[in-house]
Every structure is written in structure tokens, then in C-alpha cells.
Amino acid sequence: MLDNLGGEIRELRIQKGFGLNEFAKILDISPSYLSQLETGKTENVNFTLLQRLQEELALLPLNLETNDETTARLNRAVQQVKTLQRIDKEAAEFLLHNLESSIEWFMNKKLR
């Protein structure tokens, strides 16, 4: 996905003063999964985890080249998904999975 994502996660986690177990708990993942992610032993990262990493570490540079209306819509959608996740995690995961799949499909279509 991203070159050296795991190393960036580890570096930023340490800079913020989080231990592995503590940070895994914050992210709601197992310490072993976080360790595997940081050491590059797994590249499987779902959108929800990326979102949590972004919130905690400002991991990804987000330069949304959009107008204010698009940014507002994206922010509103993120808040709605967060609310839905508290109410119905399965439904939120379904929506996120479909969004990711749709974006990937469109990106692949554009790159052909």
C-alpha cells in the first residue's frame, strides 16, 4: 500500500510516547497485529484502522484538492459513518468495504 507504512507508524507512535500495548488498545487491535504491521509482516490494513491511525498520528498527508462544499460533504460522511459504527458496526463495515471497493474499481478503470 504505502512504502514503509509500518516504520512510519512505529516512529510516530514512539514520538507520541505510546507503548505497543497501549497504542494497540487505543486502536482496538491486538498488540501482535500492530507489531506485525509495524515490522512489515502484514500489509493488510482496513479503512477503519487507517482512519484511526490518521486520527492518532496524522499519518497520511491529507491534501484534499476540493472545494469547500466537497470537503464539508466528506467531513459529514465521516461523522455519519462514525455514528453508524457506534450503532451498528456491521452496517458501517459494509458501507466502508463497498466504498473502498468502488474507489478501487474506479481507480483501476482510470489507470487502464
PDB file of N, CA and C in Angstrom:
ATOM      1  N   MET A   1       0.829  -1.188   0.000  1.00  0.00           N
ATOM      2  CA  MET A   1       0.000   0.000   0.000  1.00  0.00           C
ATOM      3  C   MET A   1       0.875   1.253   0.000  1.00  0.00           C
ATOM      4  N   LEU A   2       1.501   1.565   1.105  1.00  0.00           N
ATOM      5  CA  LEU A   2       2.416   2.687   1.171  1.00  0.00           C
ATOM      6  C   LEU A   2       3.781   2.137   1.546  1.00  0.00           C
ATOM      7  N   ASP A   3       4.808   2.679   0.907  1.00  0.00           N
ATOM      8  CA  ASP A   3       6.157   2.249   1.249  1.00  0.00           C
ATOM      9  C   ASP A   3       6.436   2.581   2.710  1.00  0.00           C
ATOM     10  N   ASN A   4       6.924   1.595   3.424  1.00  0.00           N
ATOM     11  CA  ASN A   4       7.359   1.757   4.808  1.00  0.00           C
ATOM     12  C   ASN A   4       6.265   2.299   5.737  1.00  0.00           C
ATOM     13  N   LEU A   5       5.040   1.911   5.522  1.00  0.00           N
ATOM     14  CA  LEU A   5       3.937   2.342   6.383  1.00  0.00           C
ATOM     15  C   LEU A   5       4.173   1.915   7.822  1.00  0.00           C
ATOM     16  N   GLY A   6       4.583   0.671   8.011  1.00  0.00           N
ATOM     17  CA  GLY A   6       4.796   0.161   9.363  1.00  0.00           C
ATOM     18  C   GLY A   6       5.863   0.939  10.113  1.00  0.00           C
ATOM     19  N   GLY A   7       6.956   1.242   9.424  1.00  0.00           N
ATOM     20  CA  GLY A   7       8.023   2.019  10.059  1.00  0.00           C
ATOM     21  C   GLY A   7       7.559   3.407  10.465  1.00  0.00           C
ATOM     22  N   GLU A   8       6.734   4.017   9.617  1.00  0.00           N
ATOM     23  CA  GLU A   8       6.181   5.337   9.943  1.00  0.00           C
ATOM     24  C   GLU A   8       5.274   5.253  11.168  1.00  0.00           C
ATOM     25  N   ILE A   9       4.453   4.200  11.213  1.00  0.00           N
ATOM     26  CA  ILE A   9       3.553   4.029  12.357  1.00  0.00           C
ATOM     27  C   ILE A   9       4.369   3.906  13.639  1.00  0.00           C
ATOM     28  N   ARG A  10       5.391   3.042  13.615  1.00  0.00           N
ATOM     29  CA  ARG A  10       6.222   2.827  14.807  1.00  0.00           C
ATOM     30  C   ARG A  10       6.899   4.135  15.233  1.00  0.00           C
ATOM     31  N   GLU A  11       7.497   4.826  14.285  1.00  0.00           N
ATOM     32  CA  GLU A  11       8.208   6.066  14.596  1.00  0.00           C
ATOM     33  C   GLU A  11       7.275   7.103  15.216  1.00  0.00           C
ATOM     34  N   LEU A  12       6.108   7.302  14.618  1.00  0.00           N
ATOM     35  CA  LEU A  12       5.164   8.293  15.139  1.00  0.00           C
ATOM     36  C   LEU A  12       4.588   7.864  16.487  1.00  0.00           C
ATOM     37  N   ARG A  13       4.345   6.561  16.638  1.00  0.00           N
ATOM     38  CA  ARG A  13       3.837   6.046  17.919  1.00  0.00           C
ATOM     39  C   ARG A  13       4.834   6.341  19.034  1.00  0.00           C
ATOM     40  N   ILE A  14       6.098   6.064  18.776  1.00  0.00           N
ATOM     41  CA  ILE A  14       7.139   6.290  19.780  1.00  0.00           C
ATOM     42  C   ILE A  14       7.291   7.776  20.067  1.00  0.00           C
ATOM     43  N   GLN A  15       7.241   8.606  19.020  1.00  0.00           N
ATOM     44  CA  GLN A  15       7.334  10.061  19.209  1.00  0.00           C
ATOM     45  C   GLN A  15       6.227  10.581  20.113  1.00  0.00           C
ATOM     46  N   LYS A  16       5.042   9.969  20.000  1.00  0.00           N
ATOM     47  CA  LYS A  16       3.912  10.406  20.836  1.00  0.00           C
ATOM     48  C   LYS A  16       3.963   9.786  22.233  1.00  0.00           C
ATOM     49  N   GLY A  17       4.935   8.892  22.458  1.00  0.00           N
ATOM     50  CA  GLY A  17       5.118   8.319  23.789  1.00  0.00           C
ATOM     51  C   GLY A  17       4.241   7.127  24.098  1.00  0.00           C
ATOM     52  N   PHE A  18       3.680   6.484  23.075  1.00  0.00           N
ATOM     53  CA  PHE A  18       2.841   5.314  23.295  1.00  0.00           C
ATOM     54  C   PHE A  18       3.664   4.039  23.237  1.00  0.00           C
ATOM     55  N   GLY A  19       3.427   3.147  24.178  1.00  0.00           N
ATOM     56  CA  GLY A  19       3.981   1.808  24.096  1.00  0.00           C
ATOM     57  C   GLY A  19       3.143   0.982  23.130  1.00  0.00           C
ATOM     58  N   LEU A  20       3.681  -0.148  22.699  1.00  0.00           N
ATOM     59  CA  LEU A  20       2.980  -1.000  21.729  1.00  0.00           C
ATOM     60  C   LEU A  20       1.621  -1.446  22.254  1.00  0.00           C
ATOM     61  N   ASN A  21       1.586  -1.991  23.469  1.00  0.00           N
ATOM     62  CA  ASN A  21       0.326  -2.484  24.030  1.00  0.00           C
ATOM     63  C   ASN A  21      -0.689  -1.368  24.233  1.00  0.00           C
ATOM     64  N   GLU A  22      -0.218  -0.245  24.724  1.00  0.00           N
ATOM     65  CA  GLU A  22      -1.100   0.901  24.952  1.00  0.00           C
ATOM     66  C   GLU A  22      -1.706   1.394  23.646  1.00  0.00           C
ATOM     67  N   PHE A  23      -0.875   1.506  22.613  1.00  0.00           N
ATOM     68  CA  PHE A  23      -1.361   2.032  21.342  1.00  0.00           C
ATOM     69  C   PHE A  23      -2.302   1.035  20.663  1.00  0.00           C
ATOM     70  N   ALA A  24      -2.002  -0.251  20.776  1.00  0.00           N
ATOM     71  CA  ALA A  24      -2.889  -1.274  20.218  1.00  0.00           C
ATOM     72  C   ALA A  24      -4.275  -1.174  20.858  1.00  0.00           C
ATOM     73  N   LYS A  25      -4.298  -0.937  22.157  1.00  0.00           N
ATOM     74  CA  LYS A  25      -5.578  -0.797  22.859  1.00  0.00           C
ATOM     75  C   LYS A  25      -6.343   0.426  22.357  1.00  0.00           C
ATOM     76  N   ILE A  26      -5.641   1.528  22.147  1.00  0.00           N
ATOM     77  CA  ILE A  26      -6.265   2.747  21.620  1.00  0.00           C
ATOM     78  C   ILE A  26      -6.875   2.476  20.245  1.00  0.00           C
ATOM     79  N   LEU A  27      -6.144   1.701  19.417  1.00  0.00           N
ATOM     80  CA  LEU A  27      -6.604   1.401  18.057  1.00  0.00           C
ATOM     81  C   LEU A  27      -7.636   0.275  18.018  1.00  0.00           C
ATOM     82  N   ASP A  28      -7.826  -0.386  19.156  1.00  0.00           N
ATOM     83  CA  ASP A  28      -8.755  -1.513  19.253  1.00  0.00           C
ATOM     84  C   ASP A  28      -8.312  -2.678  18.355  1.00  0.00           C
ATOM     85  N   ILE A  29      -7.000  -2.955  18.399  1.00  0.00           N
ATOM     86  CA  ILE A  29      -6.438  -4.095  17.689  1.00  0.00           C
ATOM     87  C   ILE A  29      -5.514  -4.827  18.652  1.00  0.00           C
ATOM     88  N   SER A  30      -5.103  -6.024  18.281  1.00  0.00           N
ATOM     89  CA  SER A  30      -4.208  -6.773  19.157  1.00  0.00           C
ATOM     90  C   SER A  30      -2.785  -6.229  19.049  1.00  0.00           C
ATOM     91  N   PRO A  31      -2.023  -6.323  20.132  1.00  0.00           N
ATOM     92  CA  PRO A  31      -0.623  -5.898  20.076  1.00  0.00           C
ATOM     93  C   PRO A  31       0.176  -6.681  19.035  1.00  0.00           C
ATOM     94  N   SER A  32      -0.141  -7.956  18.860  1.00  0.00           N
ATOM     95  CA  SER A  32       0.600  -8.751  17.881  1.00  0.00           C
ATOM     96  C   SER A  32       0.322  -8.265  16.458  1.00  0.00           C
ATOM     97  N   TYR A  33      -0.920  -7.873  16.172  1.00  0.00           N
ATOM     98  CA  TYR A  33      -1.238  -7.337  14.849  1.00  0.00           C
ATOM     99  C   TYR A  33      -0.511  -6.019  14.614  1.00  0.00           C
ATOM    100  N   LEU A  34      -0.496  -5.151  15.629  1.00  0.00           N
ATOM    101  CA  LEU A  34       0.221  -3.882  15.500  1.00  0.00           C
ATOM    102  C   LEU A  34       1.703  -4.133  15.267  1.00  0.00           C
ATOM    103  N   SER A  35       2.276  -5.070  15.994  1.00  0.00           N
ATOM    104  CA  SER A  35       3.686  -5.409  15.813  1.00  0.00           C
ATOM    105  C   SER A  35       3.952  -5.915  14.400  1.00  0.00           C
ATOM    106  N   GLN A  36       3.071  -6.789  13.899  1.00  0.00           N
ATOM    107  CA  GLN A  36       3.226  -7.307  12.539  1.00  0.00           C
ATOM    108  C   GLN A  36       3.121  -6.175  11.515  1.00  0.00           C
ATOM    109  N   LEU A  37       2.223  -5.258  11.759  1.00  0.00           N
ATOM    110  CA  LEU A  37       2.054  -4.115  10.857  1.00  0.00           C
ATOM    111  C   LEU A  37       3.311  -3.242  10.861  1.00  0.00           C
ATOM    112  N   GLU A  38       3.818  -2.969  12.050  1.00  0.00           N
ATOM    113  CA  GLU A  38       4.989  -2.104  12.166  1.00  0.00           C
ATOM    114  C   GLU A  38       6.250  -2.726  11.575  1.00  0.00           C
ATOM    115  N   THR A  39       6.349  -4.041  11.635  1.00  0.00           N
ATOM    116  CA  THR A  39       7.547  -4.720  11.120  1.00  0.00           C
ATOM    117  C   THR A  39       7.391  -5.157   9.671  1.00  0.00           C
ATOM    118  N   GLY A  40       6.250  -4.849   9.061  1.00  0.00           N
ATOM    119  CA  GLY A  40       6.042  -5.178   7.651  1.00  0.00           C
ATOM    120  C   GLY A  40       5.691  -6.632   7.399  1.00  0.00           C
ATOM    121  N   LYS A  41       5.317  -7.355   8.456  1.00  0.00           N
ATOM    122  CA  LYS A  41       4.948  -8.767   8.290  1.00  0.00           C
ATOM    123  C   LYS A  41       3.526  -8.927   7.781  1.00  0.00           C
ATOM    124  N   THR A  42       2.763  -7.851   7.809  1.00  0.00           N
ATOM    125  CA  THR A  42       1.438  -7.841   7.203  1.00  0.00           C
ATOM    126  C   THR A  42       1.240  -6.500   6.523  1.00  0.00           C
ATOM    127  N   GLU A  43       0.522  -6.524   5.433  1.00  0.00           N
ATOM    128  CA  GLU A  43       0.193  -5.292   4.719  1.00  0.00           C
ATOM    129  C   GLU A  43      -1.308  -5.071   4.709  1.00  0.00           C
ATOM    130  N   ASN A  44      -2.039  -5.921   5.424  1.00  0.00           N
ATOM    131  CA  ASN A  44      -3.490  -5.818   5.462  1.00  0.00           C
ATOM    132  C   ASN A  44      -3.917  -4.747   6.456  1.00  0.00           C
ATOM    133  N   VAL A  45      -4.420  -3.648   5.925  1.00  0.00           N
ATOM    134  CA  VAL A  45      -4.887  -2.553   6.761  1.00  0.00           C
ATOM    135  C   VAL A  45      -6.248  -2.128   6.224  1.00  0.00           C
ATOM    136  N   ASN A  46      -7.280  -2.260   7.055  1.00  0.00           N
ATOM    137  CA  ASN A  46      -8.596  -1.838   6.574  1.00  0.00           C
ATOM    138  C   ASN A  46      -8.777  -0.338   6.761  1.00  0.00           C
ATOM    139  N   PHE A  47      -9.778   0.188   6.123  1.00  0.00           N
ATOM    140  CA  PHE A  47     -10.016   1.627   6.120  1.00  0.00           C
ATOM    141  C   PHE A  47     -10.254   2.158   7.526  1.00  0.00           C
ATOM    142  N   THR A  48     -10.973   1.422   8.339  1.00  0.00           N
ATOM    143  CA  THR A  48     -11.269   1.869   9.695  1.00  0.00           C
ATOM    144  C   THR A  48      -9.985   2.046  10.486  1.00  0.00           C
ATOM    145  N   LEU A  49      -9.057   1.095  10.351  1.00  0.00           N
ATOM    146  CA  LEU A  49      -7.782   1.215  11.057  1.00  0.00           C
ATOM    147  C   LEU A  49      -6.979   2.388  10.510  1.00  0.00           C
ATOM    148  N   LEU A  50      -6.961   2.564   9.210  1.00  0.00           N
ATOM    149  CA  LEU A  50      -6.260   3.721   8.640  1.00  0.00           C
ATOM    150  C   LEU A  50      -6.828   5.022   9.180  1.00  0.00           C
ATOM    151  N   GLN A  51      -8.131   5.057   9.318  1.00  0.00           N
ATOM    152  CA  GLN A  51      -8.780   6.259   9.844  1.00  0.00           C
ATOM    153  C   GLN A  51      -8.339   6.504  11.286  1.00  0.00           C
ATOM    154  N   ARG A  52      -8.296   5.433  12.095  1.00  0.00           N
ATOM    155  CA  ARG A  52      -7.855   5.583  13.487  1.00  0.00           C
ATOM    156  C   ARG A  52      -6.396   6.035  13.553  1.00  0.00           C
ATOM    157  N   LEU A  53      -5.556   5.439  12.690  1.00  0.00           N
ATOM    158  CA  LEU A  53      -4.144   5.827  12.655  1.00  0.00           C
ATOM    159  C   LEU A  53      -4.002   7.293  12.281  1.00  0.00           C
ATOM    160  N   GLN A  54      -4.802   7.733  11.331  1.00  0.00           N
ATOM    161  CA  GLN A  54      -4.767   9.139  10.917  1.00  0.00           C
ATOM    162  C   GLN A  54      -5.175  10.048  12.070  1.00  0.00           C
ATOM    163  N   GLU A  55      -6.211   9.659  12.791  1.00  0.00           N
ATOM    164  CA  GLU A  55      -6.687  10.471  13.911  1.00  0.00           C
ATOM    165  C   GLU A  55      -5.641  10.559  15.019  1.00  0.00           C
ATOM    166  N   GLU A  56      -4.956   9.463  15.291  1.00  0.00           N
ATOM    167  CA  GLU A  56      -3.995   9.425  16.390  1.00  0.00           C
ATOM    168  C   GLU A  56      -2.622   9.969  16.020  1.00  0.00           C
ATOM    169  N   LEU A  57      -2.177   9.709  14.784  1.00  0.00           N
ATOM    170  CA  LEU A  57      -0.806  10.023  14.412  1.00  0.00           C
ATOM    171  C   LEU A  57      -0.654  11.050  13.301  1.00  0.00           C
ATOM    172  N   ALA A  58      -1.762  11.456  12.670  1.00  0.00           N
ATOM    173  CA  ALA A  58      -1.678  12.301  11.466  1.00  0.00           C
ATOM    174  C   ALA A  58      -0.688  11.662  10.499  1.00  0.00           C
ATOM    175  N   LEU A  59      -0.915  10.393  10.237  1.00  0.00           N
ATOM    176  CA  LEU A  59      -0.001   9.552   9.472  1.00  0.00           C
ATOM    177  C   LEU A  59       0.102   9.942   8.011  1.00  0.00           C
ATOM    178  N   LEU A  60      -1.035  10.197   7.402  1.00  0.00           N
ATOM    179  CA  LEU A  60      -1.070  10.453   5.967  1.00  0.00           C
ATOM    180  C   LEU A  60      -1.246  11.936   5.688  1.00  0.00           C
ATOM    181  N   PRO A  61      -0.477  12.461   4.760  1.00  0.00           N
ATOM    182  CA  PRO A  61      -0.693  13.867   4.396  1.00  0.00           C
ATOM    183  C   PRO A  61      -2.001  13.982   3.631  1.00  0.00           C
ATOM    184  N   LEU A  62      -2.929  14.714   4.175  1.00  0.00           N
ATOM    185  CA  LEU A  62      -4.232  14.848   3.542  1.00  0.00           C
ATOM    186  C   LEU A  62      -4.353  16.226   2.909  1.00  0.00           C
ATOM    187  N   ASN A  63      -4.107  16.270   1.638  1.00  0.00           N
ATOM    188  CA  ASN A  63      -4.287  17.498   0.878  1.00  0.00           C
ATOM    189  C   ASN A  63      -5.440  17.280  -0.083  1.00  0.00           C
ATOM    190  N   LEU A  64      -6.621  17.490   0.426  1.00  0.00           N
ATOM    191  CA  LEU A  64      -7.798  17.301  -0.411  1.00  0.00           C
ATOM    192  C   LEU A  64      -7.957  18.517  -1.309  1.00  0.00           C
ATOM    193  N   GLU A  65      -7.716  18.309  -2.580  1.00  0.00           N
ATOM    194  CA  GLU A  65      -7.862  19.402  -3.531  1.00  0.00           C
ATOM    195  C   GLU A  65      -9.318  19.463  -3.974  1.00  0.00           C
ATOM    196  N   THR A  66     -10.122  19.957  -3.089  1.00  0.00           N
ATOM    197  CA  THR A  66     -11.551  20.017  -3.349  1.00  0.00           C
ATOM    198  C   THR A  66     -12.062  21.382  -2.911  1.00  0.00           C
ATOM    199  N   ASN A  67     -13.264  21.655  -3.345  1.00  0.00           N
ATOM    200  CA  ASN A  67     -13.850  22.913  -2.907  1.00  0.00           C
ATOM    201  C   ASN A  67     -14.442  22.741  -1.512  1.00  0.00           C
ATOM    202  N   ASP A  68     -14.877  23.818  -0.918  1.00  0.00           N
ATOM    203  CA  ASP A  68     -15.389  23.770   0.449  1.00  0.00           C
ATOM    204  C   ASP A  68     -16.605  22.870   0.581  1.00  0.00           C
ATOM    205  N   GLU A  69     -17.464  22.841  -0.414  1.00  0.00           N
ATOM    206  CA  GLU A  69     -18.667  22.010  -0.365  1.00  0.00           C
ATOM    207  C   GLU A  69     -18.299  20.530  -0.339  1.00  0.00           C
ATOM    208  N   THR A  70     -17.337  20.132  -1.168  1.00  0.00           N
ATOM    209  CA  THR A  70     -16.908  18.727  -1.190  1.00  0.00           C
ATOM    210  C   THR A  70     -16.272  18.354   0.137  1.00  0.00           C
ATOM    211  N   THR A  71     -15.440  19.208   0.674  1.00  0.00           N
ATOM    212  CA  THR A  71     -14.806  18.949   1.968  1.00  0.00           C
ATOM    213  C   THR A  71     -15.862  18.811   3.055  1.00  0.00           C
ATOM    214  N   ALA A  72     -16.841  19.684   3.042  1.00  0.00           N
ATOM    215  CA  ALA A  72     -17.915  19.617   4.031  1.00  0.00           C
ATOM    216  C   ALA A  72     -18.688  18.302   3.906  1.00  0.00           C
ATOM    217  N   ARG A  73     -18.955  17.885   2.676  1.00  0.00           N
ATOM    218  CA  ARG A  73     -19.669  16.618   2.463  1.00  0.00           C
ATOM    219  C   ARG A  73     -18.849  15.437   2.959  1.00  0.00           C
ATOM    220  N   LEU A  74     -17.543  15.450   2.672  1.00  0.00           N
ATOM    221  CA  LEU A  74     -16.674  14.364   3.135  1.00  0.00           C
ATOM    222  C   LEU A  74     -16.631  14.318   4.656  1.00  0.00           C
ATOM    223  N   ASN A  75     -16.496  15.460   5.285  1.00  0.00           N
ATOM    224  CA  ASN A  75     -16.480  15.516   6.752  1.00  0.00           C
ATOM    225  C   ASN A  75     -17.798  15.034   7.340  1.00  0.00           C
ATOM    226  N   ARG A  76     -18.904  15.417   6.729  1.00  0.00           N
ATOM    227  CA  ARG A  76     -20.229  14.983   7.190  1.00  0.00           C
ATOM    228  C   ARG A  76     -20.363  13.470   7.053  1.00  0.00           C
ATOM    229  N   ALA A  77     -19.887  12.918   5.926  1.00  0.00           N
ATOM    230  CA  ALA A  77     -19.959  11.478   5.703  1.00  0.00           C
ATOM    231  C   ALA A  77     -19.124  10.719   6.735  1.00  0.00           C
ATOM    232  N   VAL A  78     -17.946  11.237   7.042  1.00  0.00           N
ATOM    233  CA  VAL A  78     -17.094  10.591   8.050  1.00  0.00           C
ATOM    234  C   VAL A  78     -17.804  10.571   9.397  1.00  0.00           C
ATOM    235  N   GLN A  79     -18.403  11.676   9.775  1.00  0.00           N
ATOM    236  CA  GLN A  79     -19.119  11.738  11.048  1.00  0.00           C
ATOM    237  C   GLN A  79     -20.313  10.782  11.066  1.00  0.00           C
ATOM    238  N   GLN A  80     -21.006  10.681   9.940  1.00  0.00           N
ATOM    239  CA  GLN A  80     -22.142   9.764   9.869  1.00  0.00           C
ATOM    240  C   GLN A  80     -21.696   8.313  10.004  1.00  0.00           C
ATOM    241  N   VAL A  81     -20.584   7.962   9.367  1.00  0.00           N
ATOM    242  CA  VAL A  81     -20.075   6.589   9.468  1.00  0.00           C
ATOM    243  C   VAL A  81     -19.630   6.311  10.899  1.00  0.00           C
ATOM    244  N   LYS A  82     -19.005   7.277  11.552  1.00  0.00           N
ATOM    245  CA  LYS A  82     -18.605   7.093  12.953  1.00  0.00           C
ATOM    246  C   LYS A  82     -19.823   6.846  13.831  1.00  0.00           C
ATOM    247  N   THR A  83     -20.869   7.616  13.605  1.00  0.00           N
ATOM    248  CA  THR A  83     -22.105   7.428  14.371  1.00  0.00           C
ATOM    249  C   THR A  83     -22.699   6.051  14.096  1.00  0.00           C
ATOM    250  N   LEU A  84     -22.757   5.690  12.825  1.00  0.00           N
ATOM    251  CA  LEU A  84     -23.291   4.378  12.460  1.00  0.00           C
ATOM    252  C   LEU A  84     -22.467   3.264  13.078  1.00  0.00           C
ATOM    253  N   GLN A  85     -21.166   3.442  13.141  1.00  0.00           N
ATOM    254  CA  GLN A  85     -20.298   2.406  13.702  1.00  0.00           C
ATOM    255  C   GLN A  85     -20.620   2.162  15.178  1.00  0.00           C
ATOM    256  N   ARG A  86     -20.958   3.210  15.894  1.00  0.00           N
ATOM    257  CA  ARG A  86     -21.343   3.045  17.300  1.00  0.00           C
ATOM    258  C   ARG A  86     -22.672   2.307  17.423  1.00  0.00           C
ATOM    259  N   ILE A  87     -23.561   2.516  16.455  1.00  0.00           N
ATOM    260  CA  ILE A  87     -24.896   1.922  16.496  1.00  0.00           C
ATOM    261  C   ILE A  87     -24.904   0.514  15.911  1.00  0.00           C
ATOM    262  N   ASP A  88     -24.234   0.356  14.767  1.00  0.00           N
ATOM    263  CA  ASP A  88     -24.255  -0.925  14.035  1.00  0.00           C
ATOM    264  C   ASP A  88     -22.926  -1.111  13.299  1.00  0.00           C
ATOM    265  N   LYS A  89     -21.986  -1.765  13.975  1.00  0.00           N
ATOM    266  CA  LYS A  89     -20.643  -1.933  13.404  1.00  0.00           C
ATOM    267  C   LYS A  89     -20.678  -2.693  12.083  1.00  0.00           C
ATOM    268  N   GLU A  90     -21.544  -3.678  11.982  1.00  0.00           N
ATOM    269  CA  GLU A  90     -21.624  -4.478  10.755  1.00  0.00           C
ATOM    270  C   GLU A  90     -22.071  -3.623   9.566  1.00  0.00           C
ATOM    271  N   ALA A  91     -23.048  -2.776   9.775  1.00  0.00           N
ATOM    272  CA  ALA A  91     -23.524  -1.904   8.699  1.00  0.00           C
ATOM    273  C   ALA A  91     -22.439  -0.902   8.292  1.00  0.00           C
ATOM    274  N   ALA A  92     -21.741  -0.349   9.272  1.00  0.00           N
ATOM    275  CA  ALA A  92     -20.663   0.600   8.968  1.00  0.00           C
ATOM    276  C   ALA A  92     -19.554  -0.092   8.191  1.00  0.00           C
ATOM    277  N   GLU A  93     -19.193  -1.292   8.591  1.00  0.00           N
ATOM    278  CA  GLU A  93     -18.149  -2.034   7.882  1.00  0.00           C
ATOM    279  C   GLU A  93     -18.591  -2.358   6.462  1.00  0.00           C
ATOM    280  N   PHE A  94     -19.852  -2.695   6.283  1.00  0.00           N
ATOM    281  CA  PHE A  94     -20.397  -2.964   4.949  1.00  0.00           C
ATOM    282  C   PHE A  94     -20.252  -1.726   4.050  1.00  0.00           C
ATOM    283  N   LEU A  95     -20.644  -0.568   4.575  1.00  0.00           N
ATOM    284  CA  LEU A  95     -20.540   0.670   3.796  1.00  0.00           C
ATOM    285  C   LEU A  95     -19.092   1.000   3.461  1.00  0.00           C
ATOM    286  N   LEU A  96     -18.209   0.895   4.440  1.00  0.00           N
ATOM    287  CA  LEU A  96     -16.802   1.208   4.198  1.00  0.00           C
ATOM    288  C   LEU A  96     -16.176   0.246   3.195  1.00  0.00           C
ATOM    289  N   HIS A  97     -16.501  -1.023   3.324  1.00  0.00           N
ATOM    290  CA  HIS A  97     -15.976  -2.014   2.388  1.00  0.00           C
ATOM    291  C   HIS A  97     -16.426  -1.699   0.956  1.00  0.00           C
ATOM    292  N   ASN A  98     -17.684  -1.372   0.804  1.00  0.00           N
ATOM    293  CA  ASN A  98     -18.203  -1.052  -0.525  1.00  0.00           C
ATOM    294  C   ASN A  98     -17.619   0.246  -1.068  1.00  0.00           C
ATOM    295  N   LEU A  99     -17.417   1.217  -0.219  1.00  0.00           N
ATOM    296  CA  LEU A  99     -16.792   2.454  -0.646  1.00  0.00           C
ATOM    297  C   LEU A  99     -15.364   2.195  -1.127  1.00  0.00           C
ATOM    298  N   GLU A 100     -14.598   1.445  -0.333  1.00  0.00           N
ATOM    299  CA  GLU A 100     -13.222   1.115  -0.721  1.00  0.00           C
ATOM    300  C   GLU A 100     -13.190   0.350  -2.034  1.00  0.00           C
ATOM    301  N   SER A 101     -14.061  -0.634  -2.169  1.00  0.00           N
ATOM    302  CA  SER A 101     -14.105  -1.431  -3.392  1.00  0.00           C
ATOM    303  C   SER A 101     -14.485  -0.578  -4.597  1.00  0.00           C
ATOM    304  N   SER A 102     -15.422   0.316  -4.410  1.00  0.00           N
ATOM    305  CA  SER A 102     -15.859   1.181  -5.510  1.00  0.00           C
ATOM    306  C   SER A 102     -14.748   2.131  -5.934  1.00  0.00           C
ATOM    307  N   ILE A 103     -14.071   2.727  -4.975  1.00  0.00           N
ATOM    308  CA  ILE A 103     -12.971   3.627  -5.311  1.00  0.00           C
ATOM    309  C   ILE A 103     -11.877   2.871  -6.040  1.00  0.00           C
ATOM    310  N   GLU A 104     -11.538   1.690  -5.547  1.00  0.00           N
ATOM    311  CA  GLU A 104     -10.511   0.870  -6.202  1.00  0.00           C
ATOM    312  C   GLU A 104     -10.927   0.531  -7.624  1.00  0.00           C
ATOM    313  N   TRP A 105     -12.189   0.182  -7.839  1.00  0.00           N
ATOM    314  CA  TRP A 105     -12.681  -0.163  -9.175  1.00  0.00           C
ATOM    315  C   TRP A 105     -12.539   1.030 -10.115  1.00  0.00           C
ATOM    316  N   PHE A 106     -12.958   2.215  -9.652  1.00  0.00           N
ATOM    317  CA  PHE A 106     -12.860   3.409 -10.481  1.00  0.00           C
ATOM    318  C   PHE A 106     -11.411   3.778 -10.770  1.00  0.00           C
ATOM    319  N   MET A 107     -10.555   3.648  -9.769  1.00  0.00           N
ATOM    320  CA  MET A 107      -9.135   3.964  -9.976  1.00  0.00           C
ATOM    321  C   MET A 107      -8.518   3.014 -10.983  1.00  0.00           C
ATOM    322  N   ASN A 108      -8.810   1.735 -10.873  1.00  0.00           N
ATOM    323  CA  ASN A 108      -8.296   0.758 -11.837  1.00  0.00           C
ATOM    324  C   ASN A 108      -8.819   1.035 -13.241  1.00  0.00           C
ATOM    325  N   LYS A 109     -10.065   1.432 -13.321  1.00  0.00           N
ATOM    326  CA  LYS A 109     -10.664   1.752 -14.614  1.00  0.00           C
ATOM    327  C   LYS A 109      -9.953   2.954 -15.247  1.00  0.00           C
ATOM    328  N   LYS A 110      -9.641   3.958 -14.449  1.00  0.00           N
ATOM    329  CA  LYS A 110      -8.954   5.161 -14.955  1.00  0.00           C
ATOM    330  C   LYS A 110      -7.517   4.859 -15.367  1.00  0.00           C
ATOM    331  N   LEU A 111      -6.876   3.898 -14.715  1.00  0.00           N
ATOM    332  CA  LEU A 111      -5.481   3.597 -14.998  1.00  0.00           C
ATOM    333  C   LEU A 111      -5.305   2.694 -16.212  1.00  0.00           C
ATOM    334  N   ARG A 112      -6.379   2.131 -16.704  1.00  0.00           N
ATOM    335  CA  ARG A 112      -6.281   1.230 -17.862  1.00  0.00           C
ATOM    336  C   ARG A 112      -6.085   1.988 -19.132  1.00  0.00           C
TER     337      ARG A 112
END
